[in-house]
Amino acid sequence: MKNYLNVEEGKNSWKRYVSTTILASVFMLLGSIIYIIAEIIMVAADESGKSYFDFDSGVAVGINANLDFLLSHIMYICWIFGLWIGIRFIHKRKMKSLITANKRVNWKKVIWSFGTFSLLLIISQLIDVVFNHSDYSWNHVSVKEYVLLILITFLLVPIQTTTEELFFRGLLLQWVSKKVKRPILLAIIVGLMFSIGHFANPEMNKSIILVGLDYIVAGFALTYIAIKTKSLEITIGAHAANNMFLALFLTTDDSVFGSIPSLFKVADTEPGANLIWSIVMFSVFYILCRGKIKKEKAADKDQLIA
């Protein structure tokens, strides 16, 4: 099995990695500015006077949640476009090289990962509902609002999650792996980079340490899985499953997604319990991934023998 970290095509000096990283980051910043301007325009256009822009937190308050959720993806569209420019014209290779070293992306593996991680999320959430059912309540959303949320989630959330995967566990992981060869150390370094990028999320207000550790566990686990499976396909599927599940089914007052019309509202979340659940779930997911890869290797050997 070829390893996507051992990039053979294109030009991949450290100067090119630095240039692409800066370029993609500039486009991400540009997208953020466009999003903020769009929010300010929405507030100005609101004749009810109930909405306003909170300059301290940098978010609009009181605007349509679905529209705000849709516009928030402007940043990721700009980000992935900047990344594409860097890979195509600075590294002179295809975006596929950030995902796999094979001739084409294995979409069956992406779908398997999406389905498997979704199942783990559903099981863990149902267990939590049994023991903490009082924390969950029906969000009383309208059919129209929820249908729109479904469309936004399926069309745009995969762009958001895939952009993060391509940047952190694609570009940055390939760059760092040129110097760091030990899988655990490599996963710690890039996993921390991924986690730090989420430390500004409002969930951190619950507990800087516990929520921060939760992000670190997720960052390390997904990075380690990408290293061990030698491609980005499984982490792309899992990351999309996680964010889409949260968007469609669970919302909290301090969610990074805002007050979107998810089916259920969670009144209280325990950071410590969430951290334990993350450790258990990613451990089980890693075991399942190892089994999946072993089966693929065995199938490849059988084909060679035949």
C-alpha atoms as a PDB file:
ATOM      1  CA  MET A   1       0.000   0.000   0.000  1.00  0.00           C
ATOM      2  CA  LYS A   2       1.444   3.341  -1.064  1.00  0.00           C
ATOM      3  CA  ASN A   3       1.842   6.021   1.571  1.00  0.00           C
ATOM      4  CA  TYR A   4       0.453   9.482   0.752  1.00  0.00           C
ATOM      5  CA  LEU A   5       3.038  11.042   3.086  1.00  0.00           C
ATOM      6  CA  ASN A   6       5.826   9.976   0.725  1.00  0.00           C
ATOM      7  CA  VAL A   7       5.009  12.519  -1.964  1.00  0.00           C
ATOM      8  CA  GLU A   8       6.745  11.739  -5.250  1.00  0.00           C
ATOM      9  CA  GLU A   9       5.025  14.086  -7.682  1.00  0.00           C
ATOM     10  CA  GLY A  10       5.545  17.822  -7.953  1.00  0.00           C
ATOM     11  CA  LYS A  11       8.025  20.042  -6.138  1.00  0.00           C
ATOM     12  CA  ASN A  12       8.000  19.902  -2.344  1.00  0.00           C
ATOM     13  CA  SER A  13      10.800  21.935  -0.828  1.00  0.00           C
ATOM     14  CA  TRP A  14      10.203  23.536   2.574  1.00  0.00           C
ATOM     15  CA  LYS A  15       9.980  26.950   0.898  1.00  0.00           C
ATOM     16  CA  ARG A  16       7.056  25.733  -1.199  1.00  0.00           C
ATOM     17  CA  TYR A  17       5.311  24.321   1.875  1.00  0.00           C
ATOM     18  CA  VAL A  18       5.736  27.649   3.653  1.00  0.00           C
ATOM     19  CA  SER A  19       4.426  29.542   0.623  1.00  0.00           C
ATOM     20  CA  THR A  20       1.349  27.321   0.250  1.00  0.00           C
ATOM     21  CA  THR A  21       0.615  27.442   3.982  1.00  0.00           C
ATOM     22  CA  ILE A  22       0.752  31.244   3.973  1.00  0.00           C
ATOM     23  CA  LEU A  23      -1.291  31.503   0.766  1.00  0.00           C
ATOM     24  CA  ALA A  24      -4.029  29.199   2.059  1.00  0.00           C
ATOM     25  CA  SER A  25      -4.090  31.060   5.394  1.00  0.00           C
ATOM     26  CA  VAL A  26      -4.434  34.415   3.624  1.00  0.00           C
ATOM     27  CA  PHE A  27      -7.396  33.101   1.631  1.00  0.00           C
ATOM     28  CA  MET A  28      -8.942  31.762   4.860  1.00  0.00           C
ATOM     29  CA  LEU A  29      -8.531  35.213   6.446  1.00  0.00           C
ATOM     30  CA  LEU A  30     -10.063  36.828   3.354  1.00  0.00           C
ATOM     31  CA  GLY A  31     -13.035  34.474   3.622  1.00  0.00           C
ATOM     32  CA  SER A  32     -13.443  35.366   7.303  1.00  0.00           C
ATOM     33  CA  ILE A  33     -13.502  39.070   6.464  1.00  0.00           C
ATOM     34  CA  ILE A  34     -16.113  38.518   3.735  1.00  0.00           C
ATOM     35  CA  TYR A  35     -18.230  36.526   6.207  1.00  0.00           C
ATOM     36  CA  ILE A  36     -18.052  39.275   8.846  1.00  0.00           C
ATOM     37  CA  ILE A  37     -19.000  41.912   6.258  1.00  0.00           C
ATOM     38  CA  ALA A  38     -21.958  39.755   5.185  1.00  0.00           C
ATOM     39  CA  GLU A  39     -23.084  39.490   8.823  1.00  0.00           C
ATOM     40  CA  ILE A  40     -22.859  43.264   9.301  1.00  0.00           C
ATOM     41  CA  ILE A  41     -24.918  43.789   6.132  1.00  0.00           C
ATOM     42  CA  MET A  42     -27.589  41.362   7.399  1.00  0.00           C
ATOM     43  CA  VAL A  43     -27.786  43.219  10.704  1.00  0.00           C
ATOM     44  CA  ALA A  44     -28.091  46.557   8.899  1.00  0.00           C
ATOM     45  CA  ALA A  45     -30.850  45.154   6.679  1.00  0.00           C
ATOM     46  CA  ASP A  46     -32.849  43.818   9.638  1.00  0.00           C
ATOM     47  CA  GLU A  47     -35.792  46.211   9.971  1.00  0.00           C
ATOM     48  CA  SER A  48     -36.945  44.651  13.239  1.00  0.00           C
ATOM     49  CA  GLY A  49     -33.941  46.069  15.070  1.00  0.00           C
ATOM     50  CA  LYS A  50     -33.596  42.874  17.138  1.00  0.00           C
ATOM     51  CA  SER A  51     -30.254  41.858  15.667  1.00  0.00           C
ATOM     52  CA  TYR A  52     -26.863  43.420  16.288  1.00  0.00           C
ATOM     53  CA  PHE A  53     -23.197  42.709  15.679  1.00  0.00           C
ATOM     54  CA  ASP A  54     -21.172  41.921  18.790  1.00  0.00           C
ATOM     55  CA  PHE A  55     -17.731  43.321  17.998  1.00  0.00           C
ATOM     56  CA  ASP A  56     -16.241  41.799  21.166  1.00  0.00           C
ATOM     57  CA  SER A  57     -17.016  38.231  20.081  1.00  0.00           C
ATOM     58  CA  GLY A  58     -17.037  38.990  16.342  1.00  0.00           C
ATOM     59  CA  VAL A  59     -20.465  37.427  15.700  1.00  0.00           C
ATOM     60  CA  ALA A  60     -23.894  38.682  14.676  1.00  0.00           C
ATOM     61  CA  VAL A  61     -26.665  38.152  17.219  1.00  0.00           C
ATOM     62  CA  GLY A  62     -30.328  37.697  16.348  1.00  0.00           C
ATOM     63  CA  ILE A  63     -29.989  37.000  12.624  1.00  0.00           C
ATOM     64  CA  ASN A  64     -31.429  33.976  10.834  1.00  0.00           C
ATOM     65  CA  ALA A  65     -29.455  30.989  12.116  1.00  0.00           C
ATOM     66  CA  ASN A  66     -29.607  28.967   8.888  1.00  0.00           C
ATOM     67  CA  LEU A  67     -28.477  31.912   6.778  1.00  0.00           C
ATOM     68  CA  ASP A  68     -25.662  32.641   9.206  1.00  0.00           C
ATOM     69  CA  PHE A  69     -24.639  28.962   9.127  1.00  0.00           C
ATOM     70  CA  LEU A  70     -24.610  29.029   5.324  1.00  0.00           C
ATOM     71  CA  LEU A  71     -22.539  32.214   5.127  1.00  0.00           C
ATOM     72  CA  SER A  72     -20.009  30.909   7.673  1.00  0.00           C
ATOM     73  CA  HIS A  73     -18.798  28.451   5.013  1.00  0.00           C
ATOM     74  CA  ILE A  74     -17.501  31.301   2.847  1.00  0.00           C
ATOM     75  CA  MET A  75     -14.273  31.049   4.840  1.00  0.00           C
ATOM     76  CA  TYR A  76     -13.807  27.370   3.966  1.00  0.00           C
ATOM     77  CA  ILE A  77     -14.583  27.859   0.284  1.00  0.00           C
ATOM     78  CA  CYS A  78     -11.935  30.611   0.119  1.00  0.00           C
ATOM     79  CA  TRP A  79      -9.542  28.490   2.193  1.00  0.00           C
ATOM     80  CA  ILE A  80      -9.756  25.404  -0.021  1.00  0.00           C
ATOM     81  CA  PHE A  81      -9.445  27.589  -3.140  1.00  0.00           C
ATOM     82  CA  GLY A  82      -6.235  29.123  -1.788  1.00  0.00           C
ATOM     83  CA  LEU A  83      -4.947  25.655  -0.924  1.00  0.00           C
ATOM     84  CA  TRP A  84      -5.750  24.439  -4.447  1.00  0.00           C
ATOM     85  CA  ILE A  85      -3.813  27.349  -5.986  1.00  0.00           C
ATOM     86  CA  GLY A  86      -0.797  26.519  -3.813  1.00  0.00           C
ATOM     87  CA  ILE A  87      -0.821  22.803  -4.569  1.00  0.00           C
ATOM     88  CA  ARG A  88      -1.492  23.279  -8.294  1.00  0.00           C
ATOM     89  CA  PHE A  89       0.902  26.146  -9.059  1.00  0.00           C
ATOM     90  CA  ILE A  90       3.483  26.195  -6.243  1.00  0.00           C
ATOM     91  CA  HIS A  91       3.840  22.444  -5.657  1.00  0.00           C
ATOM     92  CA  LYS A  92       2.820  21.652  -9.247  1.00  0.00           C
ATOM     93  CA  ARG A  93       0.824  18.565  -8.295  1.00  0.00           C
ATOM     94  CA  LYS A  94      -2.810  17.490  -7.977  1.00  0.00           C
ATOM     95  CA  MET A  95      -5.012  17.993  -4.905  1.00  0.00           C
ATOM     96  CA  LYS A  96      -5.467  14.216  -4.873  1.00  0.00           C
ATOM     97  CA  SER A  97      -1.870  13.935  -3.681  1.00  0.00           C
ATOM     98  CA  LEU A  98      -2.986  15.400  -0.336  1.00  0.00           C
ATOM     99  CA  ILE A  99      -5.383  12.463   0.074  1.00  0.00           C
ATOM    100  CA  THR A 100      -3.785   9.366  -1.420  1.00  0.00           C
ATOM    101  CA  ALA A 101      -0.751   8.149  -3.326  1.00  0.00           C
ATOM    102  CA  ASN A 102      -2.911   5.825  -5.416  1.00  0.00           C
ATOM    103  CA  LYS A 103      -4.275   6.634  -8.865  1.00  0.00           C
ATOM    104  CA  ARG A 104      -7.669   7.672  -7.528  1.00  0.00           C
ATOM    105  CA  VAL A 105      -9.429   8.395  -4.258  1.00  0.00           C
ATOM    106  CA  ASN A 106     -11.094   5.327  -2.753  1.00  0.00           C
ATOM    107  CA  TRP A 107     -14.591   6.706  -2.156  1.00  0.00           C
ATOM    108  CA  LYS A 108     -15.753   3.345  -0.781  1.00  0.00           C
ATOM    109  CA  LYS A 109     -13.314   3.842   2.094  1.00  0.00           C
ATOM    110  CA  VAL A 110     -14.614   7.387   2.677  1.00  0.00           C
ATOM    111  CA  ILE A 111     -18.214   6.123   2.764  1.00  0.00           C
ATOM    112  CA  TRP A 112     -17.256   3.215   5.064  1.00  0.00           C
ATOM    113  CA  SER A 113     -15.603   5.645   7.455  1.00  0.00           C
ATOM    114  CA  PHE A 114     -18.569   8.030   7.341  1.00  0.00           C
ATOM    115  CA  GLY A 115     -21.040   5.235   8.077  1.00  0.00           C
ATOM    116  CA  THR A 116     -18.943   3.591  10.784  1.00  0.00           C
ATOM    117  CA  PHE A 117     -18.230   6.804  12.675  1.00  0.00           C
ATOM    118  CA  SER A 118     -21.879   7.886  12.339  1.00  0.00           C
ATOM    119  CA  LEU A 119     -22.935   4.578  13.908  1.00  0.00           C
ATOM    120  CA  LEU A 120     -20.516   5.069  16.795  1.00  0.00           C
ATOM    121  CA  LEU A 121     -21.889   8.593  17.335  1.00  0.00           C
ATOM    122  CA  ILE A 122     -25.469   7.342  17.365  1.00  0.00           C
ATOM    123  CA  ILE A 123     -24.692   4.540  19.822  1.00  0.00           C
ATOM    124  CA  SER A 124     -22.742   6.786  22.194  1.00  0.00           C
ATOM    125  CA  GLN A 125     -25.442   9.459  22.048  1.00  0.00           C
ATOM    126  CA  LEU A 126     -28.227   6.984  22.772  1.00  0.00           C
ATOM    127  CA  ILE A 127     -26.326   5.695  25.803  1.00  0.00           C
ATOM    128  CA  ASP A 128     -25.916   9.257  27.046  1.00  0.00           C
ATOM    129  CA  VAL A 129     -29.619   9.948  26.516  1.00  0.00           C
ATOM    130  CA  VAL A 130     -30.504   6.911  28.655  1.00  0.00           C
ATOM    131  CA  PHE A 131     -28.416   8.141  31.588  1.00  0.00           C
ATOM    132  CA  ASN A 132     -28.914  11.905  31.117  1.00  0.00           C
ATOM    133  CA  HIS A 133     -32.295  12.172  29.386  1.00  0.00           C
ATOM    134  CA  SER A 134     -33.185  15.359  31.276  1.00  0.00           C
ATOM    135  CA  ASP A 135     -30.386  17.206  29.446  1.00  0.00           C
ATOM    136  CA  TYR A 136     -32.102  16.705  26.074  1.00  0.00           C
ATOM    137  CA  SER A 137     -35.186  18.444  24.762  1.00  0.00           C
ATOM    138  CA  TRP A 138     -37.007  18.652  21.425  1.00  0.00           C
ATOM    139  CA  ASN A 139     -35.972  21.874  19.703  1.00  0.00           C
ATOM    140  CA  HIS A 140     -39.433  22.536  18.162  1.00  0.00           C
ATOM    141  CA  VAL A 141     -38.043  23.443  14.753  1.00  0.00           C
ATOM    142  CA  SER A 142     -40.262  23.940  11.724  1.00  0.00           C
ATOM    143  CA  VAL A 143     -40.120  21.511   8.816  1.00  0.00           C
ATOM    144  CA  LYS A 144     -39.069  24.324   6.478  1.00  0.00           C
ATOM    145  CA  GLU A 145     -36.181  25.355   8.738  1.00  0.00           C
ATOM    146  CA  TYR A 146     -34.979  21.797   9.190  1.00  0.00           C
ATOM    147  CA  VAL A 147     -35.141  20.923   5.480  1.00  0.00           C
ATOM    148  CA  LEU A 148     -33.009  23.987   4.765  1.00  0.00           C
ATOM    149  CA  LEU A 149     -30.567  22.912   7.489  1.00  0.00           C
ATOM    150  CA  ILE A 150     -30.322  19.447   5.905  1.00  0.00           C
ATOM    151  CA  LEU A 151     -29.487  20.982   2.518  1.00  0.00           C
ATOM    152  CA  ILE A 152     -26.832  23.294   3.992  1.00  0.00           C
ATOM    153  CA  THR A 153     -25.342  20.455   6.060  1.00  0.00           C
ATOM    154  CA  PHE A 154     -25.051  17.981   3.196  1.00  0.00           C
ATOM    155  CA  LEU A 155     -23.812  20.556   0.684  1.00  0.00           C
ATOM    156  CA  LEU A 156     -21.421  22.655   2.764  1.00  0.00           C
ATOM    157  CA  VAL A 157     -20.335  20.872   5.956  1.00  0.00           C
ATOM    158  CA  PRO A 158     -18.307  18.269   3.967  1.00  0.00           C
ATOM    159  CA  ILE A 159     -16.490  21.198   2.335  1.00  0.00           C
ATOM    160  CA  GLN A 160     -15.651  22.582   5.784  1.00  0.00           C
ATOM    161  CA  THR A 161     -14.396  19.288   7.190  1.00  0.00           C
ATOM    162  CA  THR A 162     -12.528  18.256   4.033  1.00  0.00           C
ATOM    163  CA  THR A 163     -10.794  21.638   3.872  1.00  0.00           C
ATOM    164  CA  GLU A 164      -9.496  21.166   7.418  1.00  0.00           C
ATOM    165  CA  GLU A 165      -8.379  17.624   6.594  1.00  0.00           C
ATOM    166  CA  LEU A 166      -6.553  18.707   3.435  1.00  0.00           C
ATOM    167  CA  PHE A 167      -4.792  21.556   5.226  1.00  0.00           C
ATOM    168  CA  PHE A 168      -3.838  19.918   8.539  1.00  0.00           C
ATOM    169  CA  ARG A 169      -3.593  16.187   7.815  1.00  0.00           C
ATOM    170  CA  GLY A 170      -2.759  16.737   4.168  1.00  0.00           C
ATOM    171  CA  LEU A 171      -0.410  19.679   3.609  1.00  0.00           C
ATOM    172  CA  LEU A 172       0.988  20.170   7.129  1.00  0.00           C
ATOM    173  CA  LEU A 173       1.274  16.448   7.916  1.00  0.00           C
ATOM    174  CA  GLN A 174       3.179  15.810   4.669  1.00  0.00           C
ATOM    175  CA  TRP A 175       5.467  18.741   5.464  1.00  0.00           C
ATOM    176  CA  VAL A 176       6.230  17.728   9.061  1.00  0.00           C
ATOM    177  CA  SER A 177       6.654  14.061   8.082  1.00  0.00           C
ATOM    178  CA  LYS A 178       9.673  15.028   5.976  1.00  0.00           C
ATOM    179  CA  LYS A 179      11.566  15.569   9.255  1.00  0.00           C
ATOM    180  CA  VAL A 180       9.586  13.628  11.894  1.00  0.00           C
ATOM    181  CA  LYS A 181       9.267   9.896  11.232  1.00  0.00           C
ATOM    182  CA  ARG A 182       7.886   8.466  14.489  1.00  0.00           C
ATOM    183  CA  PRO A 183       4.097   8.070  14.048  1.00  0.00           C
ATOM    184  CA  ILE A 184       3.139   8.981  17.631  1.00  0.00           C
ATOM    185  CA  LEU A 185       5.338  12.103  17.730  1.00  0.00           C
ATOM    186  CA  LEU A 186       4.132  13.112  14.277  1.00  0.00           C
ATOM    187  CA  ALA A 187       0.502  12.668  15.368  1.00  0.00           C
ATOM    188  CA  ILE A 188       1.101  14.735  18.500  1.00  0.00           C
ATOM    189  CA  ILE A 189       2.662  17.635  16.586  1.00  0.00           C
ATOM    190  CA  VAL A 190       0.080  17.890  13.796  1.00  0.00           C
ATOM    191  CA  GLY A 191      -2.760  16.899  16.115  1.00  0.00           C
ATOM    192  CA  LEU A 192      -1.887  19.860  18.323  1.00  0.00           C
ATOM    193  CA  MET A 193      -1.824  22.164  15.291  1.00  0.00           C
ATOM    194  CA  PHE A 194      -5.333  20.988  14.406  1.00  0.00           C
ATOM    195  CA  SER A 195      -6.544  21.339  18.006  1.00  0.00           C
ATOM    196  CA  ILE A 196      -5.142  24.834  18.510  1.00  0.00           C
ATOM    197  CA  GLY A 197      -7.110  25.952  15.463  1.00  0.00           C
ATOM    198  CA  HIS A 198     -10.291  25.082  17.427  1.00  0.00           C
ATOM    199  CA  PHE A 199      -9.356  26.686  20.751  1.00  0.00           C
ATOM    200  CA  ALA A 200     -11.242  29.868  19.816  1.00  0.00           C
ATOM    201  CA  ASN A 201     -14.541  27.953  19.647  1.00  0.00           C
ATOM    202  CA  PRO A 202     -17.155  29.056  22.217  1.00  0.00           C
ATOM    203  CA  GLU A 203     -17.260  25.547  23.758  1.00  0.00           C
ATOM    204  CA  MET A 204     -13.926  26.353  25.395  1.00  0.00           C
ATOM    205  CA  ASN A 205     -15.788  28.597  27.875  1.00  0.00           C
ATOM    206  CA  LYS A 206     -17.063  25.491  29.687  1.00  0.00           C
ATOM    207  CA  SER A 207     -13.578  24.299  30.620  1.00  0.00           C
ATOM    208  CA  ILE A 208     -10.363  25.384  28.963  1.00  0.00           C
ATOM    209  CA  ILE A 209      -8.548  22.252  30.156  1.00  0.00           C
ATOM    210  CA  LEU A 210     -11.177  19.543  29.589  1.00  0.00           C
ATOM    211  CA  VAL A 211     -12.601  20.878  26.322  1.00  0.00           C
ATOM    212  CA  GLY A 212      -9.061  21.647  25.150  1.00  0.00           C
ATOM    213  CA  LEU A 213      -8.053  18.046  25.916  1.00  0.00           C
ATOM    214  CA  ASP A 214     -11.122  16.829  24.027  1.00  0.00           C
ATOM    215  CA  TYR A 215      -9.967  18.683  20.912  1.00  0.00           C
ATOM    216  CA  ILE A 216      -6.422  17.384  21.412  1.00  0.00           C
ATOM    217  CA  VAL A 217      -7.674  13.786  21.651  1.00  0.00           C
ATOM    218  CA  ALA A 218      -9.645  14.210  18.418  1.00  0.00           C
ATOM    219  CA  GLY A 219      -6.721  15.908  16.668  1.00  0.00           C
ATOM    220  CA  PHE A 220      -4.232  13.236  17.752  1.00  0.00           C
ATOM    221  CA  ALA A 221      -6.561  10.308  16.982  1.00  0.00           C
ATOM    222  CA  LEU A 222      -7.490  11.432  13.470  1.00  0.00           C
ATOM    223  CA  THR A 223      -3.872  12.282  12.640  1.00  0.00           C
ATOM    224  CA  TYR A 224      -2.612   8.935  13.933  1.00  0.00           C
ATOM    225  CA  ILE A 225      -5.283   7.102  11.937  1.00  0.00           C
ATOM    226  CA  ALA A 226      -4.264   8.976   8.769  1.00  0.00           C
ATOM    227  CA  ILE A 227      -0.608   8.036   9.377  1.00  0.00           C
ATOM    228  CA  LYS A 228      -1.343   4.374  10.029  1.00  0.00           C
ATOM    229  CA  THR A 229      -3.819   3.974   7.147  1.00  0.00           C
ATOM    230  CA  LYS A 230      -1.443   5.867   4.814  1.00  0.00           C
ATOM    231  CA  SER A 231      -4.188   8.023   3.309  1.00  0.00           C
ATOM    232  CA  LEU A 232      -6.679  10.727   4.213  1.00  0.00           C
ATOM    233  CA  GLU A 233      -9.796   8.889   3.077  1.00  0.00           C
ATOM    234  CA  ILE A 234     -10.852   7.509   6.465  1.00  0.00           C
ATOM    235  CA  THR A 235     -10.353  10.775   8.350  1.00  0.00           C
ATOM    236  CA  ILE A 236     -12.259  12.720   5.691  1.00  0.00           C
ATOM    237  CA  GLY A 237     -15.262  10.441   6.203  1.00  0.00           C
ATOM    238  CA  ALA A 238     -15.077  10.464  10.018  1.00  0.00           C
ATOM    239  CA  HIS A 239     -14.657  14.237  10.297  1.00  0.00           C
ATOM    240  CA  ALA A 240     -17.632  14.857   7.999  1.00  0.00           C
ATOM    241  CA  ALA A 241     -19.758  12.363   9.957  1.00  0.00           C
ATOM    242  CA  ASN A 242     -18.969  14.072  13.274  1.00  0.00           C
ATOM    243  CA  ASN A 243     -19.790  17.626  12.184  1.00  0.00           C
ATOM    244  CA  MET A 244     -22.856  16.656  10.156  1.00  0.00           C
ATOM    245  CA  PHE A 245     -24.250  14.639  13.065  1.00  0.00           C
ATOM    246  CA  LEU A 246     -23.837  17.579  15.442  1.00  0.00           C
ATOM    247  CA  ALA A 247     -25.397  20.027  12.971  1.00  0.00           C
ATOM    248  CA  LEU A 248     -28.454  17.890  12.268  1.00  0.00           C
ATOM    249  CA  PHE A 249     -29.214  16.505  15.713  1.00  0.00           C
ATOM    250  CA  LEU A 250     -27.660  18.500  18.553  1.00  0.00           C
ATOM    251  CA  THR A 251     -27.369  22.173  19.361  1.00  0.00           C
ATOM    252  CA  THR A 252     -26.282  23.995  22.497  1.00  0.00           C
ATOM    253  CA  ASP A 253     -26.355  27.632  23.536  1.00  0.00           C
ATOM    254  CA  ASP A 254     -22.581  27.920  23.105  1.00  0.00           C
ATOM    255  CA  SER A 255     -22.148  25.798  19.984  1.00  0.00           C
ATOM    256  CA  VAL A 256     -19.699  26.945  17.327  1.00  0.00           C
ATOM    257  CA  PHE A 257     -22.538  26.344  14.831  1.00  0.00           C
ATOM    258  CA  GLY A 258     -24.677  28.923  16.581  1.00  0.00           C
ATOM    259  CA  SER A 259     -28.391  28.494  17.273  1.00  0.00           C
ATOM    260  CA  ILE A 260     -29.109  26.405  14.182  1.00  0.00           C
ATOM    261  CA  PRO A 261     -32.437  24.485  14.120  1.00  0.00           C
ATOM    262  CA  SER A 262     -31.040  21.052  15.049  1.00  0.00           C
ATOM    263  CA  LEU A 263     -33.585  18.455  16.145  1.00  0.00           C
ATOM    264  CA  PHE A 264     -32.546  18.397  19.783  1.00  0.00           C
ATOM    265  CA  LYS A 265     -31.234  20.965  22.213  1.00  0.00           C
ATOM    266  CA  VAL A 266     -28.776  19.939  24.900  1.00  0.00           C
ATOM    267  CA  ALA A 267     -29.281  21.963  28.049  1.00  0.00           C
ATOM    268  CA  ASP A 268     -26.071  20.934  29.765  1.00  0.00           C
ATOM    269  CA  THR A 269     -22.937  19.081  28.713  1.00  0.00           C
ATOM    270  CA  GLU A 270     -20.259  17.757  31.011  1.00  0.00           C
ATOM    271  CA  PRO A 271     -16.771  18.386  29.548  1.00  0.00           C
ATOM    272  CA  GLY A 272     -15.234  15.558  31.577  1.00  0.00           C
ATOM    273  CA  ALA A 273     -17.788  13.016  30.365  1.00  0.00           C
ATOM    274  CA  ASN A 274     -17.382  14.233  26.768  1.00  0.00           C
ATOM    275  CA  LEU A 275     -13.621  13.751  27.035  1.00  0.00           C
ATOM    276  CA  ILE A 276     -14.043  10.160  28.251  1.00  0.00           C
ATOM    277  CA  TRP A 277     -16.535   9.441  25.463  1.00  0.00           C
ATOM    278  CA  SER A 278     -14.078  10.827  22.885  1.00  0.00           C
ATOM    279  CA  ILE A 279     -11.265   8.608  24.137  1.00  0.00           C
ATOM    280  CA  VAL A 280     -13.477   5.499  24.079  1.00  0.00           C
ATOM    281  CA  MET A 281     -15.040   6.258  20.705  1.00  0.00           C
ATOM    282  CA  PHE A 282     -11.787   7.068  18.902  1.00  0.00           C
ATOM    283  CA  SER A 283     -10.164   3.959  20.415  1.00  0.00           C
ATOM    284  CA  VAL A 284     -12.980   1.762  19.092  1.00  0.00           C
ATOM    285  CA  PHE A 285     -12.870   3.538  15.735  1.00  0.00           C
ATOM    286  CA  TYR A 286      -9.107   2.970  15.464  1.00  0.00           C
ATOM    287  CA  ILE A 287      -9.562  -0.755  16.162  1.00  0.00           C
ATOM    288  CA  LEU A 288     -12.222  -0.952  13.453  1.00  0.00           C
ATOM    289  CA  CYS A 289      -9.934   0.921  11.041  1.00  0.00           C
ATOM    290  CA  ARG A 290      -7.097  -1.533  11.693  1.00  0.00           C
ATOM    291  CA  GLY A 291      -9.447  -4.404  10.899  1.00  0.00           C
ATOM    292  CA  LYS A 292     -10.543  -2.681   7.703  1.00  0.00           C
ATOM    293  CA  ILE A 293      -6.941  -2.153   6.530  1.00  0.00           C
ATOM    294  CA  LYS A 294      -5.946  -5.756   7.368  1.00  0.00           C
ATOM    295  CA  LYS A 295      -8.821  -7.057   5.254  1.00  0.00           C
ATOM    296  CA  GLU A 296      -7.761  -4.827   2.348  1.00  0.00           C
ATOM    297  CA  LYS A 297      -4.151  -6.026   2.593  1.00  0.00           C
ATOM    298  CA  ALA A 298      -5.319  -9.647   2.655  1.00  0.00           C
ATOM    299  CA  ALA A 299      -7.529  -9.046  -0.394  1.00  0.00           C
ATOM    300  CA  ASP A 300      -4.598  -7.440  -2.270  1.00  0.00           C
ATOM    301  CA  LYS A 301      -2.373 -10.450  -1.507  1.00  0.00           C
ATOM    302  CA  ASP A 302      -5.030 -12.859  -2.738  1.00  0.00           C
ATOM    303  CA  GLN A 303      -5.298 -10.916  -6.006  1.00  0.00           C
ATOM    304  CA  LEU A 304      -1.512 -11.043  -6.491  1.00  0.00           C
ATOM    305  CA  ILE A 305      -1.459 -14.800  -5.848  1.00  0.00           C
ATOM    306  CA  ALA A 306      -4.353 -15.347  -8.235  1.00  0.00           C
END
